[in-house]
Amino acid sequence: MTLNFGFTSEARTVGTQLIFELHGELDLAVVPALRGQIIGALREFSPDRLVLDLTGLTFIDSTGLGVLIWAHGRMAERGTRLHLAAPGRQVQRVLQVSGLDRRLHLYATLDEAIGAVV
């Protein structure tokens, strides 16, 4: 679904996991709509794990980081986990500078994020 300014997110399930593929720039203009999409999908699917595929994400600002922290918290409340998959170099750098690379569960590839044993 195109949310705004070329940002898109597509949700699908793999077994009992909910995968969101994110493409474009994750910033203030799209965060509220993405949060709404995640809330709706969590209600609909009740997944064991939420995986955000960051492969196509080209930019993330502080509000984008906020939605990652928020999603991590929602999954923890449910007794499950958020996995972040395949951040590109720029997004990886923002995660490192913010310290979120040490707090959130990051994986080099989508397959690793889906297959990770917790």
C-alpha atoms as a PDB file:
ATOM      1  CA  MET A   1       0.000   0.000   0.000  1.00  0.00           C
ATOM      2  CA  THR A   2       1.382   3.417  -0.933  1.00  0.00           C
ATOM      3  CA  LEU A   3       1.064   5.641   2.116  1.00  0.00           C
ATOM      4  CA  ASN A   4       2.636   8.933   1.054  1.00  0.00           C
ATOM      5  CA  PHE A   5       5.508  10.365  -0.961  1.00  0.00           C
ATOM      6  CA  GLY A   6       6.373   7.020  -2.508  1.00  0.00           C
ATOM      7  CA  PHE A   7       6.636   5.107   0.764  1.00  0.00           C
ATOM      8  CA  THR A   8       5.022   1.699   0.500  1.00  0.00           C
ATOM      9  CA  SER A   9       4.422  -1.156   2.876  1.00  0.00           C
ATOM     10  CA  GLU A  10       3.146  -4.595   2.052  1.00  0.00           C
ATOM     11  CA  ALA A  11       2.051  -7.104   4.673  1.00  0.00           C
ATOM     12  CA  ARG A  12       2.002 -10.870   4.310  1.00  0.00           C
ATOM     13  CA  THR A  13       2.219 -13.879   6.551  1.00  0.00           C
ATOM     14  CA  VAL A  14       4.771 -16.668   6.597  1.00  0.00           C
ATOM     15  CA  GLY A  15       3.449 -19.379   8.863  1.00  0.00           C
ATOM     16  CA  THR A  16       2.581 -17.629  12.101  1.00  0.00           C
ATOM     17  CA  GLN A  17       4.809 -14.623  11.373  1.00  0.00           C
ATOM     18  CA  LEU A  18       3.650 -11.274  10.023  1.00  0.00           C
ATOM     19  CA  ILE A  19       6.067  -9.706   7.539  1.00  0.00           C
ATOM     20  CA  PHE A  20       5.926  -6.026   6.563  1.00  0.00           C
ATOM     21  CA  GLU A  21       8.057  -5.058   3.568  1.00  0.00           C
ATOM     22  CA  LEU A  22       8.936  -1.364   3.794  1.00  0.00           C
ATOM     23  CA  HIS A  23      10.102   0.685   0.793  1.00  0.00           C
ATOM     24  CA  GLY A  24      11.068   4.349   0.539  1.00  0.00           C
ATOM     25  CA  GLU A  25      11.426   6.926   3.293  1.00  0.00           C
ATOM     26  CA  LEU A  26      10.060   6.237   6.770  1.00  0.00           C
ATOM     27  CA  ASP A  27       9.422   9.668   8.251  1.00  0.00           C
ATOM     28  CA  LEU A  28       6.843  11.875   9.944  1.00  0.00           C
ATOM     29  CA  ALA A  29       4.639  11.945   6.850  1.00  0.00           C
ATOM     30  CA  VAL A  30       4.001   8.186   6.888  1.00  0.00           C
ATOM     31  CA  VAL A  31       4.536   6.978  10.453  1.00  0.00           C
ATOM     32  CA  PRO A  32       0.909   7.427  11.647  1.00  0.00           C
ATOM     33  CA  ALA A  33      -0.476   5.443   8.719  1.00  0.00           C
ATOM     34  CA  LEU A  34       2.143   2.698   9.102  1.00  0.00           C
ATOM     35  CA  ARG A  35       1.358   2.435  12.804  1.00  0.00           C
ATOM     36  CA  GLY A  36      -2.320   2.038  11.917  1.00  0.00           C
ATOM     37  CA  GLN A  37      -1.504  -0.675   9.403  1.00  0.00           C
ATOM     38  CA  ILE A  38       0.548  -2.582  11.951  1.00  0.00           C
ATOM     39  CA  ILE A  39      -2.190  -2.310  14.590  1.00  0.00           C
ATOM     40  CA  GLY A  40      -4.790  -3.623  12.143  1.00  0.00           C
ATOM     41  CA  ALA A  41      -2.592  -6.491  10.986  1.00  0.00           C
ATOM     42  CA  LEU A  42      -1.718  -7.514  14.549  1.00  0.00           C
ATOM     43  CA  ARG A  43      -5.425  -7.647  15.388  1.00  0.00           C
ATOM     44  CA  GLU A  44      -6.271  -9.588  12.253  1.00  0.00           C
ATOM     45  CA  PHE A  45      -3.448 -12.149  12.306  1.00  0.00           C
ATOM     46  CA  SER A  46      -2.252 -12.358  15.960  1.00  0.00           C
ATOM     47  CA  PRO A  47       1.235 -13.361  14.786  1.00  0.00           C
ATOM     48  CA  ASP A  48       3.886 -15.089  16.857  1.00  0.00           C
ATOM     49  CA  ARG A  49       6.430 -12.615  15.467  1.00  0.00           C
ATOM     50  CA  LEU A  50       6.472  -9.328  13.564  1.00  0.00           C
ATOM     51  CA  VAL A  51       9.241  -8.969  10.994  1.00  0.00           C
ATOM     52  CA  LEU A  52       9.913  -5.608   9.384  1.00  0.00           C
ATOM     53  CA  ASP A  53      11.831  -6.100   6.148  1.00  0.00           C
ATOM     54  CA  LEU A  54      13.949  -2.952   5.795  1.00  0.00           C
ATOM     55  CA  THR A  55      15.604  -3.978   2.517  1.00  0.00           C
ATOM     56  CA  GLY A  56      13.823  -1.266   0.526  1.00  0.00           C
ATOM     57  CA  LEU A  57      13.978   1.434   3.184  1.00  0.00           C
ATOM     58  CA  THR A  58      16.125   4.324   1.935  1.00  0.00           C
ATOM     59  CA  PHE A  59      15.737   6.756   4.853  1.00  0.00           C
ATOM     60  CA  ILE A  60      14.541   6.788   8.444  1.00  0.00           C
ATOM     61  CA  ASP A  61      14.119   9.787  10.743  1.00  0.00           C
ATOM     62  CA  SER A  62      13.475  10.019  14.483  1.00  0.00           C
ATOM     63  CA  THR A  63       9.750   9.381  14.040  1.00  0.00           C
ATOM     64  CA  GLY A  64      10.594   6.271  12.042  1.00  0.00           C
ATOM     65  CA  LEU A  65      12.861   5.125  14.864  1.00  0.00           C
ATOM     66  CA  GLY A  66       9.972   5.847  17.211  1.00  0.00           C
ATOM     67  CA  VAL A  67       7.662   3.498  15.335  1.00  0.00           C
ATOM     68  CA  LEU A  68      10.298   0.742  15.548  1.00  0.00           C
ATOM     69  CA  ILE A  69      10.514   1.234  19.321  1.00  0.00           C
ATOM     70  CA  TRP A  70       6.714   1.321  19.534  1.00  0.00           C
ATOM     71  CA  ALA A  71       6.395  -1.933  17.520  1.00  0.00           C
ATOM     72  CA  HIS A  72       9.052  -3.565  19.699  1.00  0.00           C
ATOM     73  CA  GLY A  73       7.018  -2.601  22.777  1.00  0.00           C
ATOM     74  CA  ARG A  74       3.739  -3.885  21.328  1.00  0.00           C
ATOM     75  CA  MET A  75       5.292  -7.228  20.535  1.00  0.00           C
ATOM     76  CA  ALA A  76       6.874  -7.464  23.997  1.00  0.00           C
ATOM     77  CA  GLU A  77       3.450  -6.791  25.543  1.00  0.00           C
ATOM     78  CA  ARG A  78       2.134  -9.756  23.543  1.00  0.00           C
ATOM     79  CA  GLY A  79       4.996 -11.975  24.708  1.00  0.00           C
ATOM     80  CA  THR A  80       6.497 -12.087  21.224  1.00  0.00           C
ATOM     81  CA  ARG A  81       9.278 -10.312  19.328  1.00  0.00           C
ATOM     82  CA  LEU A  82       9.951  -7.790  16.626  1.00  0.00           C
ATOM     83  CA  HIS A  83      12.689  -8.703  14.156  1.00  0.00           C
ATOM     84  CA  LEU A  84      14.246  -6.167  11.793  1.00  0.00           C
ATOM     85  CA  ALA A  85      15.601  -7.605   8.563  1.00  0.00           C
ATOM     86  CA  ALA A  86      18.236  -6.414   6.116  1.00  0.00           C
ATOM     87  CA  PRO A  87      18.663  -2.717   6.843  1.00  0.00           C
ATOM     88  CA  GLY A  88      20.632  -0.922   4.141  1.00  0.00           C
ATOM     89  CA  ARG A  89      23.824   0.955   4.924  1.00  0.00           C
ATOM     90  CA  GLN A  90      22.161   4.319   5.661  1.00  0.00           C
ATOM     91  CA  VAL A  91      19.408   2.840   7.839  1.00  0.00           C
ATOM     92  CA  GLN A  92      21.937   0.593   9.609  1.00  0.00           C
ATOM     93  CA  ARG A  93      24.054   3.661  10.408  1.00  0.00           C
ATOM     94  CA  VAL A  94      21.064   5.483  11.956  1.00  0.00           C
ATOM     95  CA  LEU A  95      20.282   2.393  14.045  1.00  0.00           C
ATOM     96  CA  GLN A  96      23.907   2.276  15.222  1.00  0.00           C
ATOM     97  CA  VAL A  97      24.138   5.990  16.066  1.00  0.00           C
ATOM     98  CA  SER A  98      20.859   5.810  17.998  1.00  0.00           C
ATOM     99  CA  GLY A  99      21.937   2.661  19.862  1.00  0.00           C
ATOM    100  CA  LEU A 100      18.891   0.767  18.639  1.00  0.00           C
ATOM    101  CA  ASP A 101      21.088  -1.823  16.942  1.00  0.00           C
ATOM    102  CA  ARG A 102      21.864  -3.056  20.472  1.00  0.00           C
ATOM    103  CA  ARG A 103      18.273  -2.923  21.740  1.00  0.00           C
ATOM    104  CA  LEU A 104      16.324  -4.328  18.798  1.00  0.00           C
ATOM    105  CA  HIS A 105      16.713  -7.713  17.112  1.00  0.00           C
ATOM    106  CA  LEU A 106      18.521  -7.087  13.798  1.00  0.00           C
ATOM    107  CA  TYR A 107      19.223  -9.685  11.125  1.00  0.00           C
ATOM    108  CA  ALA A 108      21.294  -9.379   7.957  1.00  0.00           C
ATOM    109  CA  THR A 109      18.656 -11.011   5.750  1.00  0.00           C
ATOM    110  CA  LEU A 110      14.921 -11.584   5.717  1.00  0.00           C
ATOM    111  CA  ASP A 111      15.469 -15.347   5.755  1.00  0.00           C
ATOM    112  CA  GLU A 112      17.558 -15.043   8.940  1.00  0.00           C
ATOM    113  CA  ALA A 113      14.887 -12.902  10.611  1.00  0.00           C
ATOM    114  CA  ILE A 114      12.142 -15.370   9.707  1.00  0.00           C
ATOM    115  CA  GLY A 115      14.167 -18.421  10.689  1.00  0.00           C
ATOM    116  CA  ALA A 116      15.649 -17.090  13.931  1.00  0.00           C
ATOM    117  CA  VAL A 117      14.950 -19.304  16.916  1.00  0.00           C
ATOM    118  CA  VAL A 118      13.963 -17.365  20.008  1.00  0.00           C
END
